[in-house]
Amino acid sequence: MEQFIQYSPILIAVMIFLIQHKIVVTPEQLERKHREIIEDVEERFVTINSFHDLKEQFSEMKDKIDKIYEQIMKNNLN
């Protein structure tokens, strides 16, 4: 215990340094940052379901364009 008392000013200084430079965070600060990150991700990125729906729509559009192209080519040949 005497060793802790002897080094207590250094320990306090180290703890203050860690807290000031945000090397150690509280669970509340961590939760707040987690919410910020989730909000940022929701704004910037799409969900996988939305991506698959859009991909499917593009595939349908491609099929329709191919059919239109085939019709045009048939009409040009006749």
C-alpha atoms as a PDB file:
ATOM      1  CA  MET A   1       0.000   0.000   0.000  1.00  0.00           C
ATOM      2  CA  GLU A   2       2.888   2.351   0.735  1.00  0.00           C
ATOM      3  CA  GLN A   3       4.129   1.911  -2.815  1.00  0.00           C
ATOM      4  CA  PHE A   4       0.760   3.110  -4.155  1.00  0.00           C
ATOM      5  CA  ILE A   5       0.882   6.152  -1.900  1.00  0.00           C
ATOM      6  CA  GLN A   6       4.431   6.896  -2.986  1.00  0.00           C
ATOM      7  CA  TYR A   7       3.517   6.745  -6.685  1.00  0.00           C
ATOM      8  CA  SER A   8       0.019   8.211  -6.377  1.00  0.00           C
ATOM      9  CA  PRO A   9       0.914  11.654  -7.854  1.00  0.00           C
ATOM     10  CA  ILE A  10       2.347   9.923 -10.935  1.00  0.00           C
ATOM     11  CA  LEU A  11      -0.671   7.624 -11.203  1.00  0.00           C
ATOM     12  CA  ILE A  12      -3.042  10.586 -10.950  1.00  0.00           C
ATOM     13  CA  ALA A  13      -1.080  12.486 -13.596  1.00  0.00           C
ATOM     14  CA  VAL A  14      -1.171   9.470 -15.924  1.00  0.00           C
ATOM     15  CA  MET A  15      -4.931   9.030 -15.404  1.00  0.00           C
ATOM     16  CA  ILE A  16      -5.569  12.724 -16.107  1.00  0.00           C
ATOM     17  CA  PHE A  17      -3.427  12.501 -19.258  1.00  0.00           C
ATOM     18  CA  LEU A  18      -5.344   9.444 -20.480  1.00  0.00           C
ATOM     19  CA  ILE A  19      -8.714  11.084 -19.858  1.00  0.00           C
ATOM     20  CA  GLN A  20      -7.737  14.425 -21.428  1.00  0.00           C
ATOM     21  CA  HIS A  21      -6.456  12.782 -24.603  1.00  0.00           C
ATOM     22  CA  LYS A  22      -9.527  10.538 -24.732  1.00  0.00           C
ATOM     23  CA  ILE A  23      -7.467   7.370 -24.669  1.00  0.00           C
ATOM     24  CA  VAL A  24      -9.850   5.963 -22.082  1.00  0.00           C
ATOM     25  CA  VAL A  25     -13.578   6.514 -22.668  1.00  0.00           C
ATOM     26  CA  THR A  26     -16.659   5.918 -20.600  1.00  0.00           C
ATOM     27  CA  PRO A  27     -19.373   3.524 -21.717  1.00  0.00           C
ATOM     28  CA  GLU A  28     -21.659   6.541 -22.243  1.00  0.00           C
ATOM     29  CA  GLN A  29     -19.152   8.171 -24.620  1.00  0.00           C
ATOM     30  CA  LEU A  30     -18.722   4.879 -26.436  1.00  0.00           C
ATOM     31  CA  GLU A  31     -22.498   4.472 -26.854  1.00  0.00           C
ATOM     32  CA  ARG A  32     -22.833   8.049 -28.133  1.00  0.00           C
ATOM     33  CA  LYS A  33     -20.099   7.481 -30.723  1.00  0.00           C
ATOM     34  CA  HIS A  34     -21.701   4.173 -31.715  1.00  0.00           C
ATOM     35  CA  ARG A  35     -25.012   5.960 -32.407  1.00  0.00           C
ATOM     36  CA  GLU A  36     -23.210   8.617 -34.473  1.00  0.00           C
ATOM     37  CA  ILE A  37     -21.474   5.959 -36.557  1.00  0.00           C
ATOM     38  CA  ILE A  38     -24.734   4.096 -37.180  1.00  0.00           C
ATOM     39  CA  GLU A  39     -26.505   7.294 -38.254  1.00  0.00           C
ATOM     40  CA  ASP A  40     -23.639   8.156 -40.582  1.00  0.00           C
ATOM     41  CA  VAL A  41     -23.682   4.678 -42.132  1.00  0.00           C
ATOM     42  CA  GLU A  42     -27.457   4.842 -42.661  1.00  0.00           C
ATOM     43  CA  GLU A  43     -27.054   8.166 -44.504  1.00  0.00           C
ATOM     44  CA  ARG A  44     -24.192   7.075 -46.747  1.00  0.00           C
ATOM     45  CA  PHE A  45     -24.912   3.454 -47.614  1.00  0.00           C
ATOM     46  CA  VAL A  46     -27.853   1.376 -48.806  1.00  0.00           C
ATOM     47  CA  THR A  47     -29.062  -1.809 -47.239  1.00  0.00           C
ATOM     48  CA  ILE A  48     -28.319  -5.119 -48.903  1.00  0.00           C
ATOM     49  CA  ASN A  49     -32.037  -5.614 -49.591  1.00  0.00           C
ATOM     50  CA  SER A  50     -32.252  -2.286 -51.416  1.00  0.00           C
ATOM     51  CA  PHE A  51     -29.172  -3.189 -53.407  1.00  0.00           C
ATOM     52  CA  HIS A  52     -30.636  -6.541 -54.477  1.00  0.00           C
ATOM     53  CA  ASP A  53     -33.932  -4.886 -55.441  1.00  0.00           C
ATOM     54  CA  LEU A  54     -32.124  -2.317 -57.560  1.00  0.00           C
ATOM     55  CA  LYS A  55     -29.993  -5.017 -59.149  1.00  0.00           C
ATOM     56  CA  GLU A  56     -33.133  -6.957 -60.030  1.00  0.00           C
ATOM     57  CA  GLN A  57     -34.714  -3.857 -61.554  1.00  0.00           C
ATOM     58  CA  PHE A  58     -31.636  -3.277 -63.705  1.00  0.00           C
ATOM     59  CA  SER A  59     -31.778  -6.875 -64.839  1.00  0.00           C
ATOM     60  CA  GLU A  60     -35.437  -6.465 -65.824  1.00  0.00           C
ATOM     61  CA  MET A  61     -34.616  -3.253 -67.686  1.00  0.00           C
ATOM     62  CA  LYS A  62     -31.792  -4.984 -69.530  1.00  0.00           C
ATOM     63  CA  ASP A  63     -34.149  -7.777 -70.594  1.00  0.00           C
ATOM     64  CA  LYS A  64     -36.693  -5.250 -71.863  1.00  0.00           C
ATOM     65  CA  ILE A  65     -34.033  -3.319 -73.759  1.00  0.00           C
ATOM     66  CA  ASP A  66     -32.788  -6.555 -75.313  1.00  0.00           C
ATOM     67  CA  LYS A  67     -36.325  -7.391 -76.448  1.00  0.00           C
ATOM     68  CA  ILE A  68     -36.779  -3.928 -77.932  1.00  0.00           C
ATOM     69  CA  TYR A  69     -33.443  -4.247 -79.725  1.00  0.00           C
ATOM     70  CA  GLU A  70     -34.450  -7.628 -81.130  1.00  0.00           C
ATOM     71  CA  GLN A  71     -37.751  -6.177 -82.390  1.00  0.00           C
ATOM     72  CA  ILE A  72     -35.950  -3.286 -84.048  1.00  0.00           C
ATOM     73  CA  MET A  73     -33.495  -5.670 -85.704  1.00  0.00           C
ATOM     74  CA  LYS A  74     -36.340  -7.885 -86.965  1.00  0.00           C
ATOM     75  CA  ASN A  75     -38.142  -4.876 -88.411  1.00  0.00           C
ATOM     76  CA  ASN A  76     -34.975  -3.643 -90.105  1.00  0.00           C
ATOM     77  CA  LEU A  77     -34.361  -7.010 -91.718  1.00  0.00           C
ATOM     78  CA  ASN A  78     -37.841  -7.150 -93.220  1.00  0.00           C
END
